[in-house]
Structures are given as structure tokens and as C-alpha cells.
Amino acid sequence: MKQDTIFILGVNLDQKNFPKLYQWAQANPKGLEGTLRSLAKASGGNQDDLTMDAINLESDLAHG
């Protein structure tokens, strides 16, 4: 059965809402974890809730 959601650092990455990050998580989950942690650190955000960082990254990747 095909997996619809991948959990990375507490963020639910589903194919519908996070197509780019979902693909990245399948190919290199540790790389995505590192990127999300770096984004949270750089923005001064909470590393325990990386959902907004994931949303912003998905948007950047989709439009970049």
C-alpha cells in the first residue's frame, strides 16, 4: 500500500499539500530534517514546531 503521509520532525508531509517536500522526504529524510532545523534556527523560530517552516519551504520550492 502506498504511503500518503511522511512524518518529519513532527510535521505531517502529505502528497497533496506538500508534494515537493514529500518527494524530498522519500529521497533524503535526513537532508530535509537538517534543512528544516536550519530554517527554524535562522528565523529564530521554535524548532519543536516546524510546520510553518515546512509550509514556507514548500511554497518556495513550488514557485522557484
PDB file of N, CA and C in Angstrom:
ATOM      1  N   MET A   1       0.835  -1.192   0.000  1.00  0.00           N
ATOM      2  CA  MET A   1       0.000   0.000   0.000  1.00  0.00           C
ATOM      3  C   MET A   1       0.878   1.253   0.000  1.00  0.00           C
ATOM      4  N   LYS A   2       0.509   2.214  -0.774  1.00  0.00           N
ATOM      5  CA  LYS A   2       1.270   3.439  -0.911  1.00  0.00           C
ATOM      6  C   LYS A   2       1.054   4.347   0.302  1.00  0.00           C
ATOM      7  N   GLN A   3       2.155   4.877   0.815  1.00  0.00           N
ATOM      8  CA  GLN A   3       2.089   5.767   1.974  1.00  0.00           C
ATOM      9  C   GLN A   3       1.711   7.172   1.513  1.00  0.00           C
ATOM     10  N   ASP A   4       0.714   7.773   2.172  1.00  0.00           N
ATOM     11  CA  ASP A   4       0.239   9.098   1.793  1.00  0.00           C
ATOM     12  C   ASP A   4       0.866  10.214   2.603  1.00  0.00           C
ATOM     13  N   THR A   5       1.385   9.889   3.791  1.00  0.00           N
ATOM     14  CA  THR A   5       1.932  10.900   4.682  1.00  0.00           C
ATOM     15  C   THR A   5       3.265  10.429   5.249  1.00  0.00           C
ATOM     16  N   ILE A   6       4.208  11.348   5.295  1.00  0.00           N
ATOM     17  CA  ILE A   6       5.502  11.092   5.926  1.00  0.00           C
ATOM     18  C   ILE A   6       5.636  12.086   7.066  1.00  0.00           C
ATOM     19  N   PHE A   7       6.074  11.614   8.212  1.00  0.00           N
ATOM     20  CA  PHE A   7       6.266  12.464   9.388  1.00  0.00           C
ATOM     21  C   PHE A   7       7.747  12.795   9.532  1.00  0.00           C
ATOM     22  N   ILE A   8       8.066  14.078   9.467  1.00  0.00           N
ATOM     23  CA  ILE A   8       9.436  14.556   9.640  1.00  0.00           C
ATOM     24  C   ILE A   8       9.414  15.609  10.737  1.00  0.00           C
ATOM     25  N   LEU A   9      10.103  15.348  11.820  1.00  0.00           N
ATOM     26  CA  LEU A   9      10.223  16.298  12.934  1.00  0.00           C
ATOM     27  C   LEU A   9       8.853  16.794  13.412  1.00  0.00           C
ATOM     28  N   GLY A  10       7.885  15.907  13.425  1.00  0.00           N
ATOM     29  CA  GLY A  10       6.559  16.266  13.895  1.00  0.00           C
ATOM     30  C   GLY A  10       5.674  16.938  12.865  1.00  0.00           C
ATOM     31  N   VAL A  11       6.168  17.102  11.660  1.00  0.00           N
ATOM     32  CA  VAL A  11       5.389  17.718  10.589  1.00  0.00           C
ATOM     33  C   VAL A  11       4.822  16.602   9.710  1.00  0.00           C
ATOM     34  N   ASN A  12       3.532  16.656   9.449  1.00  0.00           N
ATOM     35  CA  ASN A  12       2.874  15.683   8.574  1.00  0.00           C
ATOM     36  C   ASN A  12       2.992  16.161   7.133  1.00  0.00           C
ATOM     37  N   LEU A  13       3.820  15.500   6.372  1.00  0.00           N
ATOM     38  CA  LEU A  13       4.020  15.875   4.973  1.00  0.00           C
ATOM     39  C   LEU A  13       3.201  14.924   4.106  1.00  0.00           C
ATOM     40  N   ASP A  14       2.074  15.410   3.612  1.00  0.00           N
ATOM     41  CA  ASP A  14       1.256  14.578   2.745  1.00  0.00           C
ATOM     42  C   ASP A  14       1.473  14.995   1.295  1.00  0.00           C
ATOM     43  N   GLN A  15       1.196  14.081   0.396  1.00  0.00           N
ATOM     44  CA  GLN A  15       1.426  14.321  -1.030  1.00  0.00           C
ATOM     45  C   GLN A  15       0.615  15.475  -1.584  1.00  0.00           C
ATOM     46  N   LYS A  16      -0.593  15.653  -1.095  1.00  0.00           N
ATOM     47  CA  LYS A  16      -1.468  16.697  -1.631  1.00  0.00           C
ATOM     48  C   LYS A  16      -0.986  18.095  -1.265  1.00  0.00           C
ATOM     49  N   ASN A  17      -0.660  18.329   0.000  1.00  0.00           N
ATOM     50  CA  ASN A  17      -0.308  19.665   0.464  1.00  0.00           C
ATOM     51  C   ASN A  17       1.186  19.977   0.407  1.00  0.00           C
ATOM     52  N   PHE A  18       2.013  18.953   0.387  1.00  0.00           N
ATOM     53  CA  PHE A  18       3.467  19.142   0.373  1.00  0.00           C
ATOM     54  C   PHE A  18       4.112  18.246  -0.691  1.00  0.00           C
ATOM     55  N   PRO A  19       3.739  18.394  -1.955  1.00  0.00           N
ATOM     56  CA  PRO A  19       4.271  17.463  -2.966  1.00  0.00           C
ATOM     57  C   PRO A  19       5.793  17.493  -3.096  1.00  0.00           C
ATOM     58  N   LYS A  20       6.386  18.666  -3.040  1.00  0.00           N
ATOM     59  CA  LYS A  20       7.854  18.774  -3.170  1.00  0.00           C
ATOM     60  C   LYS A  20       8.560  18.212  -1.943  1.00  0.00           C
ATOM     61  N   LEU A  21       8.096  18.582  -0.748  1.00  0.00           N
ATOM     62  CA  LEU A  21       8.725  18.093   0.471  1.00  0.00           C
ATOM     63  C   LEU A  21       8.474  16.598   0.661  1.00  0.00           C
ATOM     64  N   TYR A  22       7.332  16.122   0.227  1.00  0.00           N
ATOM     65  CA  TYR A  22       7.038  14.692   0.298  1.00  0.00           C
ATOM     66  C   TYR A  22       8.061  13.912  -0.529  1.00  0.00           C
ATOM     67  N   GLN A  23       8.318  14.384  -1.740  1.00  0.00           N
ATOM     68  CA  GLN A  23       9.315  13.725  -2.590  1.00  0.00           C
ATOM     69  C   GLN A  23      10.696  13.786  -1.949  1.00  0.00           C
ATOM     70  N   TRP A  24      11.049  14.937  -1.401  1.00  0.00           N
ATOM     71  CA  TRP A  24      12.335  15.114  -0.744  1.00  0.00           C
ATOM     72  C   TRP A  24      12.443  14.170   0.455  1.00  0.00           C
ATOM     73  N   ALA A  25      11.379  14.062   1.232  1.00  0.00           N
ATOM     74  CA  ALA A  25      11.385  13.197   2.410  1.00  0.00           C
ATOM     75  C   ALA A  25      11.560  11.731   2.016  1.00  0.00           C
ATOM     76  N   GLN A  26      11.006  11.345   0.901  1.00  0.00           N
ATOM     77  CA  GLN A  26      11.183   9.974   0.431  1.00  0.00           C
ATOM     78  C   GLN A  26      12.632   9.724   0.017  1.00  0.00           C
ATOM     79  N   ALA A  27      13.217  10.691  -0.668  1.00  0.00           N
ATOM     80  CA  ALA A  27      14.565  10.521  -1.205  1.00  0.00           C
ATOM     81  C   ALA A  27      15.666  10.730  -0.166  1.00  0.00           C
ATOM     82  N   ASN A  28      15.468  11.704   0.742  1.00  0.00           N
ATOM     83  CA  ASN A  28      16.532  12.056   1.679  1.00  0.00           C
ATOM     84  C   ASN A  28      15.944  12.662   2.953  1.00  0.00           C
ATOM     85  N   PRO A  29      15.349  11.840   3.812  1.00  0.00           N
ATOM     86  CA  PRO A  29      14.705  12.381   5.012  1.00  0.00           C
ATOM     87  C   PRO A  29      15.662  13.122   5.943  1.00  0.00           C
ATOM     88  N   LYS A  30      16.878  12.644   6.085  1.00  0.00           N
ATOM     89  CA  LYS A  30      17.841  13.320   6.972  1.00  0.00           C
ATOM     90  C   LYS A  30      18.230  14.688   6.413  1.00  0.00           C
ATOM     91  N   GLY A  31      18.334  14.796   5.110  1.00  0.00           N
ATOM     92  CA  GLY A  31      18.640  16.083   4.488  1.00  0.00           C
ATOM     93  C   GLY A  31      17.524  17.089   4.710  1.00  0.00           C
ATOM     94  N   LEU A  32      16.284  16.639   4.587  1.00  0.00           N
ATOM     95  CA  LEU A  32      15.143  17.517   4.828  1.00  0.00           C
ATOM     96  C   LEU A  32      15.086  17.931   6.292  1.00  0.00           C
ATOM     97  N   GLU A  33      15.342  17.000   7.197  1.00  0.00           N
ATOM     98  CA  GLU A  33      15.379  17.338   8.627  1.00  0.00           C
ATOM     99  C   GLU A  33      16.395  18.437   8.891  1.00  0.00           C
ATOM    100  N   GLY A  34      17.582  18.291   8.334  1.00  0.00           N
ATOM    101  CA  GLY A  34      18.620  19.293   8.528  1.00  0.00           C
ATOM    102  C   GLY A  34      18.227  20.652   7.981  1.00  0.00           C
ATOM    103  N   THR A  35      17.599  20.661   6.830  1.00  0.00           N
ATOM    104  CA  THR A  35      17.165  21.915   6.228  1.00  0.00           C
ATOM    105  C   THR A  35      16.092  22.584   7.073  1.00  0.00           C
ATOM    106  N   LEU A  36      15.121  21.825   7.546  1.00  0.00           N
ATOM    107  CA  LEU A  36      14.069  22.404   8.382  1.00  0.00           C
ATOM    108  C   LEU A  36      14.634  22.944   9.695  1.00  0.00           C
ATOM    109  N   ARG A  37      15.566  22.222  10.283  1.00  0.00           N
ATOM    110  CA  ARG A  37      16.200  22.705  11.518  1.00  0.00           C
ATOM    111  C   ARG A  37      16.971  23.997  11.266  1.00  0.00           C
ATOM    112  N   SER A  38      17.670  24.061  10.153  1.00  0.00           N
ATOM    113  CA  SER A  38      18.423  25.268   9.806  1.00  0.00           C
ATOM    114  C   SER A  38      17.501  26.462   9.586  1.00  0.00           C
ATOM    115  N   LEU A  39      16.389  26.236   8.915  1.00  0.00           N
ATOM    116  CA  LEU A  39      15.417  27.312   8.688  1.00  0.00           C
ATOM    117  C   LEU A  39      14.857  27.829  10.007  1.00  0.00           C
ATOM    118  N   ALA A  40      14.531  26.914  10.906  1.00  0.00           N
ATOM    119  CA  ALA A  40      13.990  27.320  12.207  1.00  0.00           C
ATOM    120  C   ALA A  40      15.019  28.118  12.989  1.00  0.00           C
ATOM    121  N   LYS A  41      16.247  27.670  12.958  1.00  0.00           N
ATOM    122  CA  LYS A  41      17.310  28.371  13.681  1.00  0.00           C
ATOM    123  C   LYS A  41      17.538  29.762  13.089  1.00  0.00           C
ATOM    124  N   ALA A  42      17.571  29.846  11.770  1.00  0.00           N
ATOM    125  CA  ALA A  42      17.831  31.125  11.104  1.00  0.00           C
ATOM    126  C   ALA A  42      16.716  32.138  11.339  1.00  0.00           C
ATOM    127  N   SER A  43      15.483  31.648  11.436  1.00  0.00           N
ATOM    128  CA  SER A  43      14.353  32.562  11.617  1.00  0.00           C
ATOM    129  C   SER A  43      14.058  32.827  13.089  1.00  0.00           C
ATOM    130  N   GLY A  44      14.793  32.161  13.970  1.00  0.00           N
ATOM    131  CA  GLY A  44      14.552  32.341  15.399  1.00  0.00           C
ATOM    132  C   GLY A  44      13.290  31.666  15.862  1.00  0.00           C
ATOM    133  N   GLY A  45      12.771  30.770  15.032  1.00  0.00           N
ATOM    134  CA  GLY A  45      11.529  30.081  15.350  1.00  0.00           C
ATOM    135  C   GLY A  45      11.727  28.930  16.307  1.00  0.00           C
ATOM    136  N   ASN A  46      10.628  28.310  16.636  1.00  0.00           N
ATOM    137  CA  ASN A  46      10.609  27.181  17.552  1.00  0.00           C
ATOM    138  C   ASN A  46      10.936  25.906  16.788  1.00  0.00           C
ATOM    139  N   GLN A  47      12.014  25.260  17.139  1.00  0.00           N
ATOM    140  CA  GLN A  47      12.405  24.034  16.455  1.00  0.00           C
ATOM    141  C   GLN A  47      11.505  22.862  16.813  1.00  0.00           C
ATOM    142  N   ASP A  48      10.637  23.023  17.803  1.00  0.00           N
ATOM    143  CA  ASP A  48       9.705  21.961  18.159  1.00  0.00           C
ATOM    144  C   ASP A  48       8.478  21.954  17.251  1.00  0.00           C
ATOM    145  N   ASP A  49       8.180  23.074  16.602  1.00  0.00           N
ATOM    146  CA  ASP A  49       7.052  23.145  15.681  1.00  0.00           C
ATOM    147  C   ASP A  49       7.539  23.755  14.369  1.00  0.00           C
ATOM    148  N   LEU A  50       7.859  22.893  13.444  1.00  0.00           N
ATOM    149  CA  LEU A  50       8.449  23.325  12.181  1.00  0.00           C
ATOM    150  C   LEU A  50       7.438  23.398  11.045  1.00  0.00           C
ATOM    151  N   THR A  51       6.162  23.356  11.373  1.00  0.00           N
ATOM    152  CA  THR A  51       5.130  23.339  10.346  1.00  0.00           C
ATOM    153  C   THR A  51       5.192  24.584   9.460  1.00  0.00           C
ATOM    154  N   MET A  52       5.328  25.752  10.053  1.00  0.00           N
ATOM    155  CA  MET A  52       5.369  26.979   9.247  1.00  0.00           C
ATOM    156  C   MET A  52       6.615  27.009   8.363  1.00  0.00           C
ATOM    157  N   ASP A  53       7.726  26.529   8.879  1.00  0.00           N
ATOM    158  CA  ASP A  53       8.936  26.462   8.057  1.00  0.00           C
ATOM    159  C   ASP A  53       8.722  25.516   6.874  1.00  0.00           C
ATOM    160  N   ALA A  54       8.043  24.396   7.108  1.00  0.00           N
ATOM    161  CA  ALA A  54       7.748  23.455   6.028  1.00  0.00           C
ATOM    162  C   ALA A  54       6.822  24.084   4.992  1.00  0.00           C
ATOM    163  N   ILE A  55       5.819  24.812   5.442  1.00  0.00           N
ATOM    164  CA  ILE A  55       4.895  25.490   4.519  1.00  0.00           C
ATOM    165  C   ILE A  55       5.642  26.496   3.654  1.00  0.00           C
ATOM    166  N   ASN A  56       6.491  27.292   4.286  1.00  0.00           N
ATOM    167  CA  ASN A  56       7.262  28.294   3.539  1.00  0.00           C
ATOM    168  C   ASN A  56       8.225  27.647   2.554  1.00  0.00           C
ATOM    169  N   LEU A  57       8.888  26.573   2.966  1.00  0.00           N
ATOM    170  CA  LEU A  57       9.818  25.885   2.086  1.00  0.00           C
ATOM    171  C   LEU A  57       9.080  25.269   0.907  1.00  0.00           C
ATOM    172  N   GLU A  58       7.946  24.644   1.151  1.00  0.00           N
ATOM    173  CA  GLU A  58       7.148  24.059   0.072  1.00  0.00           C
ATOM    174  C   GLU A  58       6.753  25.140  -0.935  1.00  0.00           C
ATOM    175  N   SER A  59       6.330  26.280  -0.434  1.00  0.00           N
ATOM    176  CA  SER A  59       5.946  27.390  -1.312  1.00  0.00           C
ATOM    177  C   SER A  59       7.130  27.866  -2.152  1.00  0.00           C
ATOM    178  N   ASP A  60       8.281  28.014  -1.505  1.00  0.00           N
ATOM    179  CA  ASP A  60       9.477  28.439  -2.231  1.00  0.00           C
ATOM    180  C   ASP A  60       9.858  27.436  -3.336  1.00  0.00           C
ATOM    181  N   LEU A  61       9.800  26.168  -3.004  1.00  0.00           N
ATOM    182  CA  LEU A  61      10.159  25.146  -3.983  1.00  0.00           C
ATOM    183  C   LEU A  61       9.147  25.075  -5.123  1.00  0.00           C
ATOM    184  N   ALA A  62       7.880  25.272  -4.814  1.00  0.00           N
ATOM    185  CA  ALA A  62       6.847  25.206  -5.838  1.00  0.00           C
ATOM    186  C   ALA A  62       6.909  26.389  -6.797  1.00  0.00           C
ATOM    187  N   HIS A  63       7.378  27.527  -6.301  1.00  0.00           N
ATOM    188  CA  HIS A  63       7.408  28.739  -7.122  1.00  0.00           C
ATOM    189  C   HIS A  63       8.811  29.123  -7.579  1.00  0.00           C
ATOM    190  N   GLY A  64       9.775  28.302  -7.261  1.00  0.00           N
ATOM    191  CA  GLY A  64      11.158  28.646  -7.577  1.00  0.00           C
ATOM    192  C   GLY A  64      11.694  27.890  -8.684  1.00  0.00           C
TER     193      GLY A  64
END
